[in-house]
Amino acid sequence: MPVLKLPTPLRPYADGQSAIEVQGQNIAEALNDLIRQYPSLQKHLFSDAGTLRPFVNLFLGEEDVRHMQGVETELKADDVLRIIPSIAGGING
């Protein structure tokens, strides 16, 4: 079963879990299963329109899924999907 790894800021919405087994043939189905298991994650990952928020980056292994087929990217049983939040900031000067 694919595993989805959560960053530290999202873990409180998933009972402190850092890795969650999810079901799905593709990333969209896996995310739906994640939300089914932990509904409070929905507002942190998806907009009101149901699209992934722009600061939510998904990586399958080491590859950004935006460079694949996005959320339609197929998953294998041993895949590891990671949510990596965007980090803003910089040096003012």
N, C-alpha and C. Protein backbone atom coordinates (compact mmCIF):
# COMPACT_ATOMS: atom_id res chain seq x y z
N MET A 1 0.85 -1.17 0.00
CA MET A 1 0.00 0.00 0.00
C MET A 1 0.90 1.24 0.00
N PRO A 2 0.60 2.25 -0.84
CA PRO A 2 1.41 3.47 -0.84
C PRO A 2 1.40 4.15 0.52
N VAL A 3 2.47 4.86 0.81
CA VAL A 3 2.60 5.61 2.05
C VAL A 3 2.70 7.09 1.72
N LEU A 4 1.98 7.89 2.46
CA LEU A 4 2.04 9.34 2.32
C LEU A 4 2.71 9.91 3.56
N LYS A 5 3.79 10.65 3.36
CA LYS A 5 4.52 11.24 4.48
C LYS A 5 4.10 12.69 4.65
N LEU A 6 3.79 13.05 5.90
CA LEU A 6 3.33 14.39 6.22
C LEU A 6 4.44 15.22 6.85
N PRO A 7 4.48 16.52 6.51
CA PRO A 7 5.44 17.39 7.19
C PRO A 7 4.98 17.67 8.62
N THR A 8 5.90 18.07 9.45
CA THR A 8 5.61 18.31 10.87
C THR A 8 4.41 19.22 11.10
N PRO A 9 4.24 20.35 10.36
CA PRO A 9 3.10 21.23 10.64
C PRO A 9 1.73 20.59 10.42
N LEU A 10 1.65 19.55 9.59
CA LEU A 10 0.36 18.91 9.33
C LEU A 10 0.07 17.72 10.24
N ARG A 11 1.05 17.24 10.94
CA ARG A 11 0.88 16.05 11.77
C ARG A 11 -0.17 16.19 12.88
N PRO A 12 -0.34 17.37 13.50
CA PRO A 12 -1.39 17.48 14.53
C PRO A 12 -2.80 17.20 13.98
N TYR A 13 -3.00 17.37 12.66
CA TYR A 13 -4.30 17.13 12.06
C TYR A 13 -4.47 15.67 11.64
N ALA A 14 -3.43 14.86 11.89
CA ALA A 14 -3.47 13.44 11.55
C ALA A 14 -3.04 12.61 12.76
N ASP A 15 -3.50 13.01 13.92
CA ASP A 15 -3.20 12.30 15.17
C ASP A 15 -1.70 12.10 15.39
N GLY A 16 -0.90 13.08 14.94
CA GLY A 16 0.53 13.03 15.15
C GLY A 16 1.29 12.11 14.22
N GLN A 17 0.59 11.50 13.27
CA GLN A 17 1.23 10.55 12.36
C GLN A 17 2.18 11.26 11.39
N SER A 18 3.33 10.65 11.13
CA SER A 18 4.26 11.20 10.15
C SER A 18 4.14 10.48 8.81
N ALA A 19 3.64 9.25 8.82
CA ALA A 19 3.47 8.46 7.61
C ALA A 19 2.14 7.70 7.71
N ILE A 20 1.38 7.76 6.64
CA ILE A 20 0.04 7.17 6.64
C ILE A 20 -0.10 6.29 5.40
N GLU A 21 -0.55 5.07 5.58
CA GLU A 21 -0.84 4.21 4.44
C GLU A 21 -2.14 4.69 3.81
N VAL A 22 -2.11 4.83 2.48
CA VAL A 22 -3.29 5.30 1.75
C VAL A 22 -3.60 4.34 0.62
N GLN A 23 -4.85 4.32 0.26
CA GLN A 23 -5.30 3.48 -0.85
C GLN A 23 -5.60 4.37 -2.04
N GLY A 24 -5.30 3.86 -3.23
CA GLY A 24 -5.63 4.59 -4.44
C GLY A 24 -4.77 4.14 -5.60
N GLN A 25 -5.35 4.21 -6.78
CA GLN A 25 -4.63 3.86 -8.00
C GLN A 25 -3.76 5.02 -8.47
N ASN A 26 -4.14 6.24 -8.04
CA ASN A 26 -3.36 7.42 -8.42
C ASN A 26 -3.29 8.37 -7.22
N ILE A 27 -2.58 9.48 -7.40
CA ILE A 27 -2.39 10.42 -6.29
C ILE A 27 -3.70 11.04 -5.84
N ALA A 28 -4.58 11.38 -6.77
CA ALA A 28 -5.88 11.97 -6.40
C ALA A 28 -6.65 11.03 -5.47
N GLU A 29 -6.69 9.75 -5.81
CA GLU A 29 -7.41 8.78 -4.98
C GLU A 29 -6.72 8.62 -3.62
N ALA A 30 -5.40 8.65 -3.61
CA ALA A 30 -4.67 8.54 -2.34
C ALA A 30 -4.96 9.75 -1.45
N LEU A 31 -5.01 10.94 -2.03
CA LEU A 31 -5.33 12.14 -1.24
C LEU A 31 -6.76 12.08 -0.71
N ASN A 32 -7.67 11.57 -1.53
CA ASN A 32 -9.06 11.41 -1.06
C ASN A 32 -9.11 10.44 0.11
N ASP A 33 -8.32 9.37 0.05
CA ASP A 33 -8.29 8.42 1.15
C ASP A 33 -7.68 9.05 2.40
N LEU A 34 -6.65 9.87 2.21
CA LEU A 34 -6.05 10.59 3.34
C LEU A 34 -7.10 11.47 4.03
N ILE A 35 -7.88 12.21 3.25
CA ILE A 35 -8.92 13.09 3.80
C ILE A 35 -10.03 12.28 4.45
N ARG A 36 -10.32 11.12 3.89
CA ARG A 36 -11.32 10.24 4.52
C ARG A 36 -10.85 9.82 5.91
N GLN A 37 -9.56 9.50 6.02
CA GLN A 37 -9.01 9.07 7.30
C GLN A 37 -8.85 10.22 8.29
N TYR A 38 -8.47 11.39 7.79
CA TYR A 38 -8.20 12.57 8.64
C TYR A 38 -8.85 13.80 8.01
N PRO A 39 -10.17 13.96 8.18
CA PRO A 39 -10.90 15.05 7.53
C PRO A 39 -10.38 16.45 7.85
N SER A 40 -9.78 16.64 9.01
CA SER A 40 -9.31 17.99 9.35
C SER A 40 -8.13 18.43 8.48
N LEU A 41 -7.52 17.53 7.72
CA LEU A 41 -6.45 17.91 6.80
C LEU A 41 -6.98 18.62 5.55
N GLN A 42 -8.24 18.42 5.24
CA GLN A 42 -8.78 18.95 3.99
C GLN A 42 -8.55 20.45 3.83
N LYS A 43 -8.87 21.23 4.83
CA LYS A 43 -8.75 22.69 4.71
C LYS A 43 -7.29 23.15 4.59
N HIS A 44 -6.37 22.29 4.99
CA HIS A 44 -4.95 22.64 4.90
C HIS A 44 -4.35 22.25 3.55
N LEU A 45 -4.99 21.33 2.86
CA LEU A 45 -4.47 20.85 1.59
C LEU A 45 -5.25 21.34 0.38
N PHE A 46 -6.56 21.56 0.55
CA PHE A 46 -7.42 21.89 -0.58
C PHE A 46 -8.12 23.23 -0.40
N SER A 47 -8.33 23.93 -1.51
CA SER A 47 -9.09 25.17 -1.50
C SER A 47 -10.58 24.84 -1.40
N ASP A 48 -11.40 25.87 -1.25
CA ASP A 48 -12.85 25.67 -1.22
C ASP A 48 -13.36 25.09 -2.54
N ALA A 49 -12.62 25.33 -3.62
CA ALA A 49 -13.00 24.81 -4.93
C ALA A 49 -12.58 23.35 -5.11
N GLY A 50 -11.86 22.81 -4.12
CA GLY A 50 -11.46 21.41 -4.18
C GLY A 50 -10.13 21.16 -4.88
N THR A 51 -9.40 22.21 -5.20
CA THR A 51 -8.09 22.05 -5.82
C THR A 51 -7.00 22.13 -4.76
N LEU A 52 -5.88 21.51 -5.04
CA LEU A 52 -4.76 21.58 -4.11
C LEU A 52 -4.33 23.03 -3.94
N ARG A 53 -4.06 23.41 -2.72
CA ARG A 53 -3.57 24.76 -2.47
C ARG A 53 -2.20 24.92 -3.13
N PRO A 54 -1.89 26.15 -3.59
CA PRO A 54 -0.65 26.35 -4.33
C PRO A 54 0.62 26.06 -3.54
N PHE A 55 0.57 26.15 -2.22
CA PHE A 55 1.78 25.93 -1.42
C PHE A 55 1.97 24.46 -1.06
N VAL A 56 1.08 23.58 -1.53
CA VAL A 56 1.20 22.16 -1.26
C VAL A 56 1.96 21.51 -2.43
N ASN A 57 3.15 21.04 -2.13
CA ASN A 57 3.97 20.39 -3.15
C ASN A 57 3.98 18.89 -2.87
N LEU A 58 3.74 18.12 -3.90
CA LEU A 58 3.70 16.66 -3.77
C LEU A 58 4.88 16.05 -4.53
N PHE A 59 5.57 15.17 -3.86
CA PHE A 59 6.69 14.48 -4.48
C PHE A 59 6.46 12.98 -4.40
N LEU A 60 6.66 12.32 -5.53
CA LEU A 60 6.61 10.87 -5.59
C LEU A 60 8.06 10.42 -5.67
N GLY A 61 8.54 9.85 -4.59
CA GLY A 61 9.98 9.60 -4.49
C GLY A 61 10.68 10.95 -4.43
N GLU A 62 11.54 11.21 -5.38
CA GLU A 62 12.27 12.48 -5.44
C GLU A 62 11.73 13.43 -6.49
N GLU A 63 10.65 13.04 -7.19
CA GLU A 63 10.16 13.84 -8.31
C GLU A 63 8.86 14.58 -7.97
N ASP A 64 8.86 15.86 -8.30
CA ASP A 64 7.68 16.71 -8.13
C ASP A 64 6.60 16.21 -9.09
N VAL A 65 5.41 15.89 -8.57
CA VAL A 65 4.36 15.33 -9.43
C VAL A 65 3.87 16.30 -10.49
N ARG A 66 4.16 17.60 -10.31
CA ARG A 66 3.79 18.56 -11.35
C ARG A 66 4.57 18.31 -12.64
N HIS A 67 5.71 17.62 -12.52
CA HIS A 67 6.51 17.28 -13.69
C HIS A 67 6.18 15.88 -14.19
N MET A 68 5.15 15.30 -13.61
CA MET A 68 4.66 13.99 -14.04
C MET A 68 3.25 14.21 -14.61
N GLN A 69 2.28 13.48 -14.12
CA GLN A 69 0.89 13.69 -14.56
C GLN A 69 0.05 14.33 -13.46
N GLY A 70 0.69 15.08 -12.58
CA GLY A 70 -0.02 15.74 -11.49
C GLY A 70 -0.70 14.72 -10.60
N VAL A 71 -1.90 15.06 -10.13
CA VAL A 71 -2.61 14.14 -9.23
C VAL A 71 -3.13 12.90 -9.94
N GLU A 72 -3.04 12.88 -11.26
CA GLU A 72 -3.44 11.68 -12.02
C GLU A 72 -2.30 10.69 -12.13
N THR A 73 -1.13 11.00 -11.57
CA THR A 73 0.01 10.09 -11.60
C THR A 73 -0.34 8.79 -10.90
N GLU A 74 -0.09 7.69 -11.57
CA GLU A 74 -0.41 6.38 -11.00
C GLU A 74 0.54 6.04 -9.86
N LEU A 75 0.02 5.27 -8.91
CA LEU A 75 0.80 4.83 -7.75
C LEU A 75 0.97 3.31 -7.77
N LYS A 76 2.12 2.88 -7.28
CA LYS A 76 2.37 1.46 -7.06
C LYS A 76 2.31 1.20 -5.56
N ALA A 77 2.17 -0.05 -5.20
CA ALA A 77 1.99 -0.42 -3.79
C ALA A 77 3.14 0.03 -2.90
N ASP A 78 4.36 0.10 -3.43
CA ASP A 78 5.51 0.45 -2.60
C ASP A 78 5.93 1.92 -2.74
N ASP A 79 5.10 2.74 -3.37
CA ASP A 79 5.44 4.16 -3.57
C ASP A 79 5.38 4.94 -2.27
N VAL A 80 6.20 5.97 -2.20
CA VAL A 80 6.20 6.91 -1.08
C VAL A 80 5.89 8.29 -1.65
N LEU A 81 4.81 8.86 -1.19
CA LEU A 81 4.37 10.18 -1.60
C LEU A 81 4.64 11.13 -0.44
N ARG A 82 5.24 12.29 -0.73
CA ARG A 82 5.56 13.25 0.32
C ARG A 82 4.86 14.57 0.05
N ILE A 83 4.31 15.15 1.10
CA ILE A 83 3.79 16.52 1.03
C ILE A 83 4.89 17.41 1.58
N ILE A 84 5.33 18.34 0.77
CA ILE A 84 6.38 19.28 1.18
C ILE A 84 5.79 20.69 1.08
N PRO A 85 5.62 21.37 2.20
CA PRO A 85 5.06 22.72 2.14
C PRO A 85 6.09 23.70 1.57
N SER A 86 5.59 24.69 0.84
CA SER A 86 6.47 25.75 0.35
C SER A 86 6.92 26.58 1.54
N ILE A 87 8.12 27.08 1.46
CA ILE A 87 8.64 27.92 2.52
C ILE A 87 8.92 29.29 1.91
N ALA A 88 8.31 30.30 2.49
CA ALA A 88 8.52 31.67 2.01
C ALA A 88 9.52 32.35 2.92
N GLY A 89 10.11 33.34 2.39
CA GLY A 89 11.05 34.10 3.22
C GLY A 89 12.18 34.64 2.39
N GLY A 90 13.16 35.14 3.04
CA GLY A 90 14.29 35.71 2.34
C GLY A 90 14.94 36.75 3.21
N ILE A 91 15.85 37.43 2.61
CA ILE A 91 16.58 38.46 3.34
C ILE A 91 16.16 39.82 2.81
N ASN A 92 15.72 40.66 3.72
CA ASN A 92 15.40 42.04 3.36
C ASN A 92 16.67 42.84 3.50
N GLY A 93 16.96 43.64 2.54
CA GLY A 93 18.17 44.39 2.72
C GLY A 93 18.32 45.43 1.77
